[in-house]
Amino acid sequence: MLGESENKDLIPLITTGLKDDQAYSVVGAALSALMQLDEAAALDASRALENATSPALISALSRMYSNNPRPEFQSWFVKQTENADFMNAFLFESSTRNIWLAWATTSLSLKAWINGKRFL
């Protein structure tokens, strides 16, 4: 909701939701809102969260990365595919579909996905 306001004056408030003492759902929502207002800041903030195991954060990152397909995100998706459990698979599936299509249309390598990965 805050991100939809298009009010960049809210960025300092939103970034408080990215602090370590916040619930994962709050961090995920703050990251999503920041992405709508300042893509570069959100992508920078996402780097610190890439090792998270929370479904809320994995979902937020997968949405963010699939909407901004870049070669450097491929290894994160491969790692998440290898580590996903049954419940995370539901959160992760729609975003991975978007990124596969982006990689295929931009001629990025899909070799890591082809050799026995779970979500093919």
PDB file of N, CA and C in Angstrom:
ATOM      1  N   MET A   1       0.812  -1.193   0.000  1.00  0.00           N
ATOM      2  CA  MET A   1       0.000   0.000   0.000  1.00  0.00           C
ATOM      3  C   MET A   1       0.854   1.255   0.000  1.00  0.00           C
ATOM      4  N   LEU A   2       1.916   1.275   0.814  1.00  0.00           N
ATOM      5  CA  LEU A   2       2.753   2.468   0.844  1.00  0.00           C
ATOM      6  C   LEU A   2       3.447   2.679  -0.495  1.00  0.00           C
ATOM      7  N   GLY A   3       3.882   1.597  -1.114  1.00  0.00           N
ATOM      8  CA  GLY A   3       4.542   1.706  -2.407  1.00  0.00           C
ATOM      9  C   GLY A   3       3.623   2.204  -3.496  1.00  0.00           C
ATOM     10  N   GLU A   4       2.361   1.858  -3.397  1.00  0.00           N
ATOM     11  CA  GLU A   4       1.381   2.284  -4.402  1.00  0.00           C
ATOM     12  C   GLU A   4       1.095   3.777  -4.333  1.00  0.00           C
ATOM     13  N   SER A   5       1.463   4.414  -3.243  1.00  0.00           N
ATOM     14  CA  SER A   5       1.210   5.843  -3.084  1.00  0.00           C
ATOM     15  C   SER A   5       2.077   6.686  -4.015  1.00  0.00           C
ATOM     16  N   GLU A   6       3.177   6.121  -4.485  1.00  0.00           N
ATOM     17  CA  GLU A   6       4.145   6.817  -5.339  1.00  0.00           C
ATOM     18  C   GLU A   6       4.770   8.024  -4.639  1.00  0.00           C
ATOM     19  N   ASN A   7       4.652   8.071  -3.318  1.00  0.00           N
ATOM     20  CA  ASN A   7       5.205   9.164  -2.529  1.00  0.00           C
ATOM     21  C   ASN A   7       6.593   8.769  -2.035  1.00  0.00           C
ATOM     22  N   LYS A   8       7.623   9.317  -2.681  1.00  0.00           N
ATOM     23  CA  LYS A   8       9.003   8.966  -2.327  1.00  0.00           C
ATOM     24  C   LYS A   8       9.404   9.487  -0.950  1.00  0.00           C
ATOM     25  N   ASP A   9       8.617  10.370  -0.378  1.00  0.00           N
ATOM     26  CA  ASP A   9       8.891  10.840   0.979  1.00  0.00           C
ATOM     27  C   ASP A   9       8.686   9.728   2.003  1.00  0.00           C
ATOM     28  N   LEU A  10       8.007   8.656   1.599  1.00  0.00           N
ATOM     29  CA  LEU A  10       7.760   7.530   2.503  1.00  0.00           C
ATOM     30  C   LEU A  10       8.921   6.532   2.548  1.00  0.00           C
ATOM     31  N   ILE A  11       9.912   6.715   1.698  1.00  0.00           N
ATOM     32  CA  ILE A  11      11.022   5.756   1.651  1.00  0.00           C
ATOM     33  C   ILE A  11      11.709   5.582   3.005  1.00  0.00           C
ATOM     34  N   PRO A  12      12.022   6.656   3.754  1.00  0.00           N
ATOM     35  CA  PRO A  12      12.633   6.445   5.080  1.00  0.00           C
ATOM     36  C   PRO A  12      11.759   5.601   6.012  1.00  0.00           C
ATOM     37  N   LEU A  13      10.457   5.808   5.980  1.00  0.00           N
ATOM     38  CA  LEU A  13       9.538   5.010   6.797  1.00  0.00           C
ATOM     39  C   LEU A  13       9.559   3.555   6.346  1.00  0.00           C
ATOM     40  N   ILE A  14       9.524   3.342   5.049  1.00  0.00           N
ATOM     41  CA  ILE A  14       9.518   1.978   4.508  1.00  0.00           C
ATOM     42  C   ILE A  14      10.803   1.244   4.868  1.00  0.00           C
ATOM     43  N   THR A  15      11.932   1.932   4.794  1.00  0.00           N
ATOM     44  CA  THR A  15      13.208   1.259   5.084  1.00  0.00           C
ATOM     45  C   THR A  15      13.333   0.852   6.551  1.00  0.00           C
ATOM     46  N   THR A  16      12.551   1.451   7.440  1.00  0.00           N
ATOM     47  CA  THR A  16      12.580   0.982   8.830  1.00  0.00           C
ATOM     48  C   THR A  16      12.027  -0.436   8.931  1.00  0.00           C
ATOM     49  N   GLY A  17      11.206  -0.821   7.979  1.00  0.00           N
ATOM     50  CA  GLY A  17      10.668  -2.176   7.952  1.00  0.00           C
ATOM     51  C   GLY A  17      11.672  -3.214   7.511  1.00  0.00           C
ATOM     52  N   LEU A  18      12.850  -2.789   7.063  1.00  0.00           N
ATOM     53  CA  LEU A  18      13.891  -3.716   6.624  1.00  0.00           C
ATOM     54  C   LEU A  18      14.892  -4.056   7.717  1.00  0.00           C
ATOM     55  N   LYS A  19      14.705  -3.494   8.896  1.00  0.00           N
ATOM     56  CA  LYS A  19      15.658  -3.715   9.987  1.00  0.00           C
ATOM     57  C   LYS A  19      15.569  -5.140  10.530  1.00  0.00           C
ATOM     58  N   ASP A  20      16.664  -5.570  11.146  1.00  0.00           N
ATOM     59  CA  ASP A  20      16.783  -6.941  11.650  1.00  0.00           C
ATOM     60  C   ASP A  20      15.732  -7.323  12.681  1.00  0.00           C
ATOM     61  N   ASP A  21      15.221  -6.359  13.417  1.00  0.00           N
ATOM     62  CA  ASP A  21      14.278  -6.680  14.494  1.00  0.00           C
ATOM     63  C   ASP A  21      12.830  -6.807  14.008  1.00  0.00           C
ATOM     64  N   GLN A  22      12.603  -6.714  12.721  1.00  0.00           N
ATOM     65  CA  GLN A  22      11.246  -6.792  12.172  1.00  0.00           C
ATOM     66  C   GLN A  22      10.877  -8.239  11.826  1.00  0.00           C
ATOM     67  N   ALA A  23       9.583  -8.519  11.860  1.00  0.00           N
ATOM     68  CA  ALA A  23       9.087  -9.832  11.439  1.00  0.00           C
ATOM     69  C   ALA A  23       9.349 -10.011   9.945  1.00  0.00           C
ATOM     70  N   TYR A  24       9.542 -11.268   9.531  1.00  0.00           N
ATOM     71  CA  TYR A  24       9.825 -11.540   8.122  1.00  0.00           C
ATOM     72  C   TYR A  24       8.730 -11.004   7.202  1.00  0.00           C
ATOM     73  N   SER A  25       7.492 -11.097   7.644  1.00  0.00           N
ATOM     74  CA  SER A  25       6.402 -10.592   6.802  1.00  0.00           C
ATOM     75  C   SER A  25       6.489  -9.081   6.635  1.00  0.00           C
ATOM     76  N   VAL A  26       6.943  -8.376   7.666  1.00  0.00           N
ATOM     77  CA  VAL A  26       7.114  -6.926   7.599  1.00  0.00           C
ATOM     78  C   VAL A  26       8.263  -6.591   6.645  1.00  0.00           C
ATOM     79  N   VAL A  27       9.364  -7.335   6.755  1.00  0.00           N
ATOM     80  CA  VAL A  27      10.511  -7.102   5.883  1.00  0.00           C
ATOM     81  C   VAL A  27      10.121  -7.345   4.423  1.00  0.00           C
ATOM     82  N   GLY A  28       9.383  -8.418   4.168  1.00  0.00           N
ATOM     83  CA  GLY A  28       8.936  -8.714   2.807  1.00  0.00           C
ATOM     84  C   GLY A  28       8.034  -7.629   2.252  1.00  0.00           C
ATOM     85  N   ALA A  29       7.109  -7.140   3.072  1.00  0.00           N
ATOM     86  CA  ALA A  29       6.207  -6.068   2.639  1.00  0.00           C
ATOM     87  C   ALA A  29       6.979  -4.767   2.408  1.00  0.00           C
ATOM     88  N   ALA A  30       7.944  -4.475   3.273  1.00  0.00           N
ATOM     89  CA  ALA A  30       8.750  -3.266   3.110  1.00  0.00           C
ATOM     90  C   ALA A  30       9.581  -3.350   1.836  1.00  0.00           C
ATOM     91  N   LEU A  31      10.129  -4.506   1.565  1.00  0.00           N
ATOM     92  CA  LEU A  31      10.926  -4.695   0.348  1.00  0.00           C
ATOM     93  C   LEU A  31      10.062  -4.501  -0.900  1.00  0.00           C
ATOM     94  N   SER A  32       8.877  -5.048  -0.877  1.00  0.00           N
ATOM     95  CA  SER A  32       7.954  -4.885  -2.013  1.00  0.00           C
ATOM     96  C   SER A  32       7.560  -3.424  -2.216  1.00  0.00           C
ATOM     97  N   ALA A  33       7.282  -2.728  -1.120  1.00  0.00           N
ATOM     98  CA  ALA A  33       6.921  -1.305  -1.213  1.00  0.00           C
ATOM     99  C   ALA A  33       8.092  -0.478  -1.712  1.00  0.00           C
ATOM    100  N   LEU A  34       9.284  -0.770  -1.206  1.00  0.00           N
ATOM    101  CA  LEU A  34      10.471  -0.047  -1.646  1.00  0.00           C
ATOM    102  C   LEU A  34      10.726  -0.275  -3.129  1.00  0.00           C
ATOM    103  N   MET A  35      10.453  -1.467  -3.612  1.00  0.00           N
ATOM    104  CA  MET A  35      10.644  -1.780  -5.022  1.00  0.00           C
ATOM    105  C   MET A  35       9.779  -0.885  -5.902  1.00  0.00           C
ATOM    106  N   GLN A  36       8.599  -0.555  -5.428  1.00  0.00           N
ATOM    107  CA  GLN A  36       7.705   0.305  -6.205  1.00  0.00           C
ATOM    108  C   GLN A  36       8.177   1.755  -6.240  1.00  0.00           C
ATOM    109  N   LEU A  37       8.913   2.165  -5.212  1.00  0.00           N
ATOM    110  CA  LEU A  37       9.329   3.565  -5.114  1.00  0.00           C
ATOM    111  C   LEU A  37      10.773   3.810  -5.530  1.00  0.00           C
ATOM    112  N   ASP A  38      11.646   2.833  -5.262  1.00  0.00           N
ATOM    113  CA  ASP A  38      13.069   3.002  -5.567  1.00  0.00           C
ATOM    114  C   ASP A  38      13.671   1.633  -5.871  1.00  0.00           C
ATOM    115  N   GLU A  39      13.613   1.260  -7.136  1.00  0.00           N
ATOM    116  CA  GLU A  39      14.054  -0.072  -7.557  1.00  0.00           C
ATOM    117  C   GLU A  39      15.508  -0.335  -7.177  1.00  0.00           C
ATOM    118  N   ALA A  40      16.385   0.617  -7.399  1.00  0.00           N
ATOM    119  CA  ALA A  40      17.810   0.420  -7.094  1.00  0.00           C
ATOM    120  C   ALA A  40      18.027   0.169  -5.602  1.00  0.00           C
ATOM    121  N   ALA A  41      17.356   0.936  -4.753  1.00  0.00           N
ATOM    122  CA  ALA A  41      17.491   0.747  -3.300  1.00  0.00           C
ATOM    123  C   ALA A  41      16.942  -0.609  -2.867  1.00  0.00           C
ATOM    124  N   ALA A  42      15.843  -1.018  -3.468  1.00  0.00           N
ATOM    125  CA  ALA A  42      15.249  -2.315  -3.120  1.00  0.00           C
ATOM    126  C   ALA A  42      16.166  -3.464  -3.535  1.00  0.00           C
ATOM    127  N   LEU A  43      16.735  -3.374  -4.725  1.00  0.00           N
ATOM    128  CA  LEU A  43      17.642  -4.431  -5.175  1.00  0.00           C
ATOM    129  C   LEU A  43      18.897  -4.474  -4.312  1.00  0.00           C
ATOM    130  N   ASP A  44      19.396  -3.317  -3.887  1.00  0.00           N
ATOM    131  CA  ASP A  44      20.540  -3.287  -2.966  1.00  0.00           C
ATOM    132  C   ASP A  44      20.172  -3.935  -1.634  1.00  0.00           C
ATOM    133  N   ALA A  45      19.002  -3.595  -1.106  1.00  0.00           N
ATOM    134  CA  ALA A  45      18.561  -4.154   0.173  1.00  0.00           C
ATOM    135  C   ALA A  45      18.329  -5.658   0.070  1.00  0.00           C
ATOM    136  N   SER A  46      17.905  -6.119  -1.078  1.00  0.00           N
ATOM    137  CA  SER A  46      17.606  -7.546  -1.243  1.00  0.00           C
ATOM    138  C   SER A  46      18.844  -8.418  -1.098  1.00  0.00           C
ATOM    139  N   ARG A  47      19.997  -7.895  -1.437  1.00  0.00           N
ATOM    140  CA  ARG A  47      21.239  -8.683  -1.358  1.00  0.00           C
ATOM    141  C   ARG A  47      21.490  -9.198   0.056  1.00  0.00           C
ATOM    142  N   ALA A  48      21.167  -8.395   1.055  1.00  0.00           N
ATOM    143  CA  ALA A  48      21.382  -8.803   2.447  1.00  0.00           C
ATOM    144  C   ALA A  48      20.397  -9.874   2.893  1.00  0.00           C
ATOM    145  N   LEU A  49      19.338 -10.088   2.114  1.00  0.00           N
ATOM    146  CA  LEU A  49      18.281 -11.022   2.503  1.00  0.00           C
ATOM    147  C   LEU A  49      18.331 -12.340   1.723  1.00  0.00           C
ATOM    148  N   GLU A  50      19.279 -12.484   0.809  1.00  0.00           N
ATOM    149  CA  GLU A  50      19.284 -13.636  -0.087  1.00  0.00           C
ATOM    150  C   GLU A  50      19.484 -14.980   0.602  1.00  0.00           C
ATOM    151  N   ASN A  51      20.032 -15.003   1.802  1.00  0.00           N
ATOM    152  CA  ASN A  51      20.218 -16.271   2.522  1.00  0.00           C
ATOM    153  C   ASN A  51      19.066 -16.601   3.456  1.00  0.00           C
ATOM    154  N   ALA A  52      18.036 -15.788   3.436  1.00  0.00           N
ATOM    155  CA  ALA A  52      16.876 -16.007   4.302  1.00  0.00           C
ATOM    156  C   ALA A  52      16.164 -17.302   3.935  1.00  0.00           C
ATOM    157  N   THR A  53      15.590 -17.938   4.926  1.00  0.00           N
ATOM    158  CA  THR A  53      14.830 -19.169   4.707  1.00  0.00           C
ATOM    159  C   THR A  53      13.337 -18.975   4.937  1.00  0.00           C
ATOM    160  N   SER A  54      12.936 -17.778   5.294  1.00  0.00           N
ATOM    161  CA  SER A  54      11.528 -17.483   5.556  1.00  0.00           C
ATOM    162  C   SER A  54      10.736 -17.513   4.252  1.00  0.00           C
ATOM    163  N   PRO A  55       9.616 -18.237   4.227  1.00  0.00           N
ATOM    164  CA  PRO A  55       8.767 -18.228   3.025  1.00  0.00           C
ATOM    165  C   PRO A  55       8.324 -16.824   2.613  1.00  0.00           C
ATOM    166  N   ALA A  56       8.075 -15.945   3.578  1.00  0.00           N
ATOM    167  CA  ALA A  56       7.656 -14.575   3.257  1.00  0.00           C
ATOM    168  C   ALA A  56       8.755 -13.826   2.510  1.00  0.00           C
ATOM    169  N   LEU A  57       9.999 -13.995   2.940  1.00  0.00           N
ATOM    170  CA  LEU A  57      11.101 -13.317   2.269  1.00  0.00           C
ATOM    171  C   LEU A  57      11.430 -13.967   0.935  1.00  0.00           C
ATOM    172  N   ILE A  58      11.389 -15.280   0.875  1.00  0.00           N
ATOM    173  CA  ILE A  58      11.641 -15.976  -0.385  1.00  0.00           C
ATOM    174  C   ILE A  58      10.605 -15.560  -1.417  1.00  0.00           C
ATOM    175  N   SER A  59       9.366 -15.456  -1.006  1.00  0.00           N
ATOM    176  CA  SER A  59       8.302 -15.034  -1.903  1.00  0.00           C
ATOM    177  C   SER A  59       8.534 -13.603  -2.395  1.00  0.00           C
ATOM    178  N   ALA A  60       8.874 -12.701  -1.490  1.00  0.00           N
ATOM    179  CA  ALA A  60       9.117 -11.302  -1.871  1.00  0.00           C
ATOM    180  C   ALA A  60      10.299 -11.198  -2.828  1.00  0.00           C
ATOM    181  N   LEU A  61      11.372 -11.920  -2.520  1.00  0.00           N
ATOM    182  CA  LEU A  61      12.543 -11.874  -3.392  1.00  0.00           C
ATOM    183  C   LEU A  61      12.255 -12.501  -4.749  1.00  0.00           C
ATOM    184  N   SER A  62      11.536 -13.607  -4.769  1.00  0.00           N
ATOM    185  CA  SER A  62      11.266 -14.256  -6.056  1.00  0.00           C
ATOM    186  C   SER A  62      10.381 -13.380  -6.940  1.00  0.00           C
ATOM    187  N   ARG A  63       9.419 -12.694  -6.345  1.00  0.00           N
ATOM    188  CA  ARG A  63       8.602 -11.752  -7.129  1.00  0.00           C
ATOM    189  C   ARG A  63       9.461 -10.607  -7.666  1.00  0.00           C
ATOM    190  N   MET A  64      10.289 -10.054  -6.793  1.00  0.00           N
ATOM    191  CA  MET A  64      11.132  -8.937  -7.186  1.00  0.00           C
ATOM    192  C   MET A  64      12.099  -9.342  -8.300  1.00  0.00           C
ATOM    193  N   TYR A  65      12.764 -10.464  -8.111  1.00  0.00           N
ATOM    194  CA  TYR A  65      13.766 -10.891  -9.083  1.00  0.00           C
ATOM    195  C   TYR A  65      13.135 -11.352 -10.395  1.00  0.00           C
ATOM    196  N   SER A  66      11.971 -11.965 -10.341  1.00  0.00           N
ATOM    197  CA  SER A  66      11.345 -12.411 -11.586  1.00  0.00           C
ATOM    198  C   SER A  66      10.799 -11.247 -12.393  1.00  0.00           C
ATOM    199  N   ASN A  67      10.452 -10.151 -11.713  1.00  0.00           N
ATOM    200  CA  ASN A  67       9.984  -8.964 -12.419  1.00  0.00           C
ATOM    201  C   ASN A  67      11.136  -8.107 -12.945  1.00  0.00           C
ATOM    202  N   ASN A  68      12.362  -8.437 -12.535  1.00  0.00           N
ATOM    203  CA  ASN A  68      13.561  -7.731 -12.964  1.00  0.00           C
ATOM    204  C   ASN A  68      14.625  -8.752 -13.352  1.00  0.00           C
ATOM    205  N   PRO A  69      14.352  -9.583 -14.348  1.00  0.00           N
ATOM    206  CA  PRO A  69      15.264 -10.694 -14.658  1.00  0.00           C
ATOM    207  C   PRO A  69      16.648 -10.207 -15.078  1.00  0.00           C
ATOM    208  N   ARG A  70      17.625 -10.681 -14.342  1.00  0.00           N
ATOM    209  CA  ARG A  70      19.019 -10.342 -14.622  1.00  0.00           C
ATOM    210  C   ARG A  70      19.842 -11.611 -14.437  1.00  0.00           C
ATOM    211  N   PRO A  71      20.921 -11.736 -15.179  1.00  0.00           N
ATOM    212  CA  PRO A  71      21.748 -12.953 -15.066  1.00  0.00           C
ATOM    213  C   PRO A  71      22.221 -13.230 -13.640  1.00  0.00           C
ATOM    214  N   GLU A  72      22.490 -12.185 -12.868  1.00  0.00           N
ATOM    215  CA  GLU A  72      23.013 -12.396 -11.508  1.00  0.00           C
ATOM    216  C   GLU A  72      21.981 -13.028 -10.568  1.00  0.00           C
ATOM    217  N   PHE A  73      20.719 -13.019 -10.923  1.00  0.00           N
ATOM    218  CA  PHE A  73      19.696 -13.635 -10.073  1.00  0.00           C
ATOM    219  C   PHE A  73      19.550 -15.131 -10.327  1.00  0.00           C
ATOM    220  N   GLN A  74      20.112 -15.626 -11.407  1.00  0.00           N
ATOM    221  CA  GLN A  74      19.952 -17.032 -11.768  1.00  0.00           C
ATOM    222  C   GLN A  74      20.449 -17.960 -10.662  1.00  0.00           C
ATOM    223  N   SER A  75      21.600 -17.663 -10.082  1.00  0.00           N
ATOM    224  CA  SER A  75      22.138 -18.548  -9.042  1.00  0.00           C
ATOM    225  C   SER A  75      21.233 -18.563  -7.813  1.00  0.00           C
ATOM    226  N   TRP A  76      20.586 -17.435  -7.489  1.00  0.00           N
ATOM    227  CA  TRP A  76      19.667 -17.407  -6.346  1.00  0.00           C
ATOM    228  C   TRP A  76      18.479 -18.329  -6.611  1.00  0.00           C
ATOM    229  N   PHE A  77      17.930 -18.281  -7.820  1.00  0.00           N
ATOM    230  CA  PHE A  77      16.800 -19.152  -8.149  1.00  0.00           C
ATOM    231  C   PHE A  77      17.203 -20.621  -8.121  1.00  0.00           C
ATOM    232  N   VAL A  78      18.390 -20.942  -8.607  1.00  0.00           N
ATOM    233  CA  VAL A  78      18.857 -22.326  -8.566  1.00  0.00           C
ATOM    234  C   VAL A  78      18.969 -22.786  -7.118  1.00  0.00           C
ATOM    235  N   LYS A  79      19.556 -21.961  -6.267  1.00  0.00           N
ATOM    236  CA  LYS A  79      19.697 -22.303  -4.844  1.00  0.00           C
ATOM    237  C   LYS A  79      18.334 -22.520  -4.196  1.00  0.00           C
ATOM    238  N   GLN A  80      17.382 -21.634  -4.469  1.00  0.00           N
ATOM    239  CA  GLN A  80      16.054 -21.764  -3.877  1.00  0.00           C
ATOM    240  C   GLN A  80      15.344 -23.014  -4.378  1.00  0.00           C
ATOM    241  N   THR A  81      15.546 -23.355  -5.629  1.00  0.00           N
ATOM    242  CA  THR A  81      14.932 -24.566  -6.179  1.00  0.00           C
ATOM    243  C   THR A  81      15.465 -25.800  -5.468  1.00  0.00           C
ATOM    244  N   GLU A  82      16.755 -25.805  -5.204  1.00  0.00           N
ATOM    245  CA  GLU A  82      17.372 -26.948  -4.525  1.00  0.00           C
ATOM    246  C   GLU A  82      16.913 -27.067  -3.081  1.00  0.00           C
ATOM    247  N   ASN A  83      16.596 -25.944  -2.446  1.00  0.00           N
ATOM    248  CA  ASN A  83      16.253 -25.935  -1.019  1.00  0.00           C
ATOM    249  C   ASN A  83      14.763 -25.861  -0.725  1.00  0.00           C
ATOM    250  N   ALA A  84      13.945 -25.692  -1.739  1.00  0.00           N
ATOM    251  CA  ALA A  84      12.508 -25.487  -1.507  1.00  0.00           C
ATOM    252  C   ALA A  84      11.853 -26.740  -0.937  1.00  0.00           C
ATOM    253  N   ASP A  85      11.021 -26.536   0.074  1.00  0.00           N
ATOM    254  CA  ASP A  85      10.223 -27.640   0.577  1.00  0.00           C
ATOM    255  C   ASP A  85       8.838 -27.550  -0.065  1.00  0.00           C
ATOM    256  N   PHE A  86       7.952 -28.420   0.337  1.00  0.00           N
ATOM    257  CA  PHE A  86       6.641 -28.509  -0.300  1.00  0.00           C
ATOM    258  C   PHE A  86       5.871 -27.192  -0.244  1.00  0.00           C
ATOM    259  N   MET A  87       5.831 -26.552   0.931  1.00  0.00           N
ATOM    260  CA  MET A  87       5.055 -25.318   1.065  1.00  0.00           C
ATOM    261  C   MET A  87       5.689 -24.158   0.298  1.00  0.00           C
ATOM    262  N   ASN A  88       7.016 -24.039   0.347  1.00  0.00           N
ATOM    263  CA  ASN A  88       7.678 -22.967  -0.380  1.00  0.00           C
ATOM    264  C   ASN A  88       7.485 -23.115  -1.882  1.00  0.00           C
ATOM    265  N   ALA A  89       7.317 -24.329  -2.354  1.00  0.00           N
ATOM    266  CA  ALA A  89       7.156 -24.561  -3.788  1.00  0.00           C
ATOM    267  C   ALA A  89       5.946 -23.813  -4.335  1.00  0.00           C
ATOM    268  N   PHE A  90       4.873 -23.735  -3.580  1.00  0.00           N
ATOM    269  CA  PHE A  90       3.685 -23.022  -4.038  1.00  0.00           C
ATOM    270  C   PHE A  90       3.948 -21.520  -4.163  1.00  0.00           C
ATOM    271  N   LEU A  91       4.682 -20.961  -3.212  1.00  0.00           N
ATOM    272  CA  LEU A  91       5.001 -19.535  -3.245  1.00  0.00           C
ATOM    273  C   LEU A  91       5.976 -19.214  -4.372  1.00  0.00           C
ATOM    274  N   PHE A  92       6.811 -20.163  -4.667  1.00  0.00           N
ATOM    275  CA  PHE A  92       7.943 -19.954  -5.555  1.00  0.00           C
ATOM    276  C   PHE A  92       7.604 -20.213  -7.014  1.00  0.00           C
ATOM    277  N   GLU A  93       6.637 -21.068  -7.288  1.00  0.00           N
ATOM    278  CA  GLU A  93       6.367 -21.559  -8.641  1.00  0.00           C
ATOM    279  C   GLU A  93       6.025 -20.470  -9.641  1.00  0.00           C
ATOM    280  N   SER A  94       5.134 -19.554  -9.307  1.00  0.00           N
ATOM    281  CA  SER A  94       4.721 -18.557 -10.301  1.00  0.00           C
ATOM    282  C   SER A  94       5.859 -17.610 -10.651  1.00  0.00           C
ATOM    283  N   SER A  95       6.683 -17.267  -9.685  1.00  0.00           N
ATOM    284  CA  SER A  95       7.815 -16.391  -9.972  1.00  0.00           C
ATOM    285  C   SER A  95       8.850 -17.098 -10.832  1.00  0.00           C
ATOM    286  N   THR A  96       9.089 -18.372 -10.560  1.00  0.00           N
ATOM    287  CA  THR A  96      10.086 -19.081 -11.364  1.00  0.00           C
ATOM    288  C   THR A  96       9.610 -19.226 -12.798  1.00  0.00           C
ATOM    289  N   ARG A  97       8.321 -19.391 -12.997  1.00  0.00           N
ATOM    290  CA  ARG A  97       7.793 -19.472 -14.364  1.00  0.00           C
ATOM    291  C   ARG A  97       8.131 -18.189 -15.124  1.00  0.00           C
ATOM    292  N   ASN A  98       7.956 -17.028 -14.480  1.00  0.00           N
ATOM    293  CA  ASN A  98       8.274 -15.746 -15.113  1.00  0.00           C
ATOM    294  C   ASN A  98       9.756 -15.633 -15.442  1.00  0.00           C
ATOM    295  N   ILE A  99      10.598 -16.058 -14.523  1.00  0.00           N
ATOM    296  CA  ILE A  99      12.037 -15.907 -14.759  1.00  0.00           C
ATOM    297  C   ILE A  99      12.514 -16.879 -15.826  1.00  0.00           C
ATOM    298  N   TRP A 100      11.943 -18.094 -15.876  1.00  0.00           N
ATOM    299  CA  TRP A 100      12.332 -19.035 -16.942  1.00  0.00           C
ATOM    300  C   TRP A 100      12.029 -18.434 -18.301  1.00  0.00           C
ATOM    301  N   LEU A 101      10.855 -17.854 -18.431  1.00  0.00           N
ATOM    302  CA  LEU A 101      10.477 -17.238 -19.707  1.00  0.00           C
ATOM    303  C   LEU A 101      11.407 -16.080 -20.058  1.00  0.00           C
ATOM    304  N   ALA A 102      11.754 -15.288 -19.068  1.00  0.00           N
ATOM    305  CA  ALA A 102      12.660 -14.163 -19.315  1.00  0.00           C
ATOM    306  C   ALA A 102      14.034 -14.669 -19.749  1.00  0.00           C
ATOM    307  N   TRP A 103      14.523 -15.711 -19.072  1.00  0.00           N
ATOM    308  CA  TRP A 103      15.836 -16.252 -19.442  1.00  0.00           C
ATOM    309  C   TRP A 103      15.794 -16.856 -20.831  1.00  0.00           C
ATOM    310  N   ALA A 104      14.733 -17.543 -21.144  1.00  0.00           N
ATOM    311  CA  ALA A 104      14.623 -18.182 -22.454  1.00  0.00           C
ATOM    312  C   ALA A 104      14.572 -17.135 -23.561  1.00  0.00           C
ATOM    313  N   THR A 105      13.841 -16.057 -23.322  1.00  0.00           N
ATOM    314  CA  THR A 105      13.709 -15.045 -24.368  1.00  0.00           C
ATOM    315  C   THR A 105      14.924 -14.146 -24.467  1.00  0.00           C
ATOM    316  N   THR A 106      15.769 -14.122 -23.439  1.00  0.00           N
ATOM    317  CA  THR A 106      16.987 -13.315 -23.508  1.00  0.00           C
ATOM    318  C   THR A 106      18.217 -14.193 -23.724  1.00  0.00           C
ATOM    319  N   SER A 107      17.997 -15.460 -24.052  1.00  0.00           N
ATOM    320  CA  SER A 107      19.062 -16.409 -24.375  1.00  0.00           C
ATOM    321  C   SER A 107      20.024 -16.662 -23.223  1.00  0.00           C
ATOM    322  N   LEU A 108      19.559 -16.521 -21.979  1.00  0.00           N
ATOM    323  CA  LEU A 108      20.404 -16.875 -20.851  1.00  0.00           C
ATOM    324  C   LEU A 108      20.397 -18.386 -20.677  1.00  0.00           C
ATOM    325  N   SER A 109      21.431 -18.906 -20.089  1.00  0.00           N
ATOM    326  CA  SER A 109      21.563 -20.349 -19.938  1.00  0.00           C
ATOM    327  C   SER A 109      20.538 -20.921 -18.969  1.00  0.00           C
ATOM    328  N   LEU A 110      19.873 -21.976 -19.404  1.00  0.00           N
ATOM    329  CA  LEU A 110      18.935 -22.697 -18.539  1.00  0.00           C
ATOM    330  C   LEU A 110      19.483 -24.072 -18.167  1.00  0.00           C
ATOM    331  N   LYS A 111      20.752 -24.307 -18.462  1.00  0.00           N
ATOM    332  CA  LYS A 111      21.332 -25.624 -18.220  1.00  0.00           C
ATOM    333  C   LYS A 111      21.133 -26.095 -16.772  1.00  0.00           C
ATOM    334  N   ALA A 112      21.283 -25.200 -15.805  1.00  0.00           N
ATOM    335  CA  ALA A 112      21.130 -25.583 -14.397  1.00  0.00           C
ATOM    336  C   ALA A 112      19.720 -26.069 -14.090  1.00  0.00           C
ATOM    337  N   TRP A 113      18.738 -25.597 -14.843  1.00  0.00           N
ATOM    338  CA  TRP A 113      17.354 -25.993 -14.601  1.00  0.00           C
ATOM    339  C   TRP A 113      17.009 -27.298 -15.297  1.00  0.00           C
ATOM    340  N   ILE A 114      17.698 -27.616 -16.353  1.00  0.00           N
ATOM    341  CA  ILE A 114      17.299 -28.730 -17.196  1.00  0.00           C
ATOM    342  C   ILE A 114      17.688 -30.083 -16.614  1.00  0.00           C
ATOM    343  N   ASN A 115      18.803 -30.175 -15.956  1.00  0.00           N
ATOM    344  CA  ASN A 115      19.333 -31.452 -15.479  1.00  0.00           C
ATOM    345  C   ASN A 115      18.737 -31.897 -14.153  1.00  0.00           C
ATOM    346  N   GLY A 116      17.477 -32.279 -14.137  1.00  0.00           N
ATOM    347  CA  GLY A 116      16.876 -32.909 -12.961  1.00  0.00           C
ATOM    348  C   GLY A 116      16.360 -31.993 -11.893  1.00  0.00           C
ATOM    349  N   LYS A 117      16.153 -30.733 -12.149  1.00  0.00           N
ATOM    350  CA  LYS A 117      15.596 -29.852 -11.121  1.00  0.00           C
ATOM    351  C   LYS A 117      14.121 -30.166 -10.917  1.00  0.00           C
ATOM    352  N   ARG A 118      13.640 -29.888  -9.731  1.00  0.00           N
ATOM    353  CA  ARG A 118      12.289 -30.282  -9.328  1.00  0.00           C
ATOM    354  C   ARG A 118      11.173 -29.544 -10.052  1.00  0.00           C
ATOM    355  N   PHE A 119      11.352 -28.303 -10.426  1.00  0.00           N
ATOM    356  CA  PHE A 119      10.248 -27.492 -10.888  1.00  0.00           C
ATOM    357  C   PHE A 119      10.147 -27.388 -12.399  1.00  0.00           C
ATOM    358  N   LEU A 120      10.625 -28.362 -13.123  1.00  0.00           N
ATOM    359  CA  LEU A 120      10.494 -28.343 -14.591  1.00  0.00           C
ATOM    360  C   LEU A 120       9.144 -28.835 -15.011  1.00  0.00           C
TER     361      LEU A 120
END
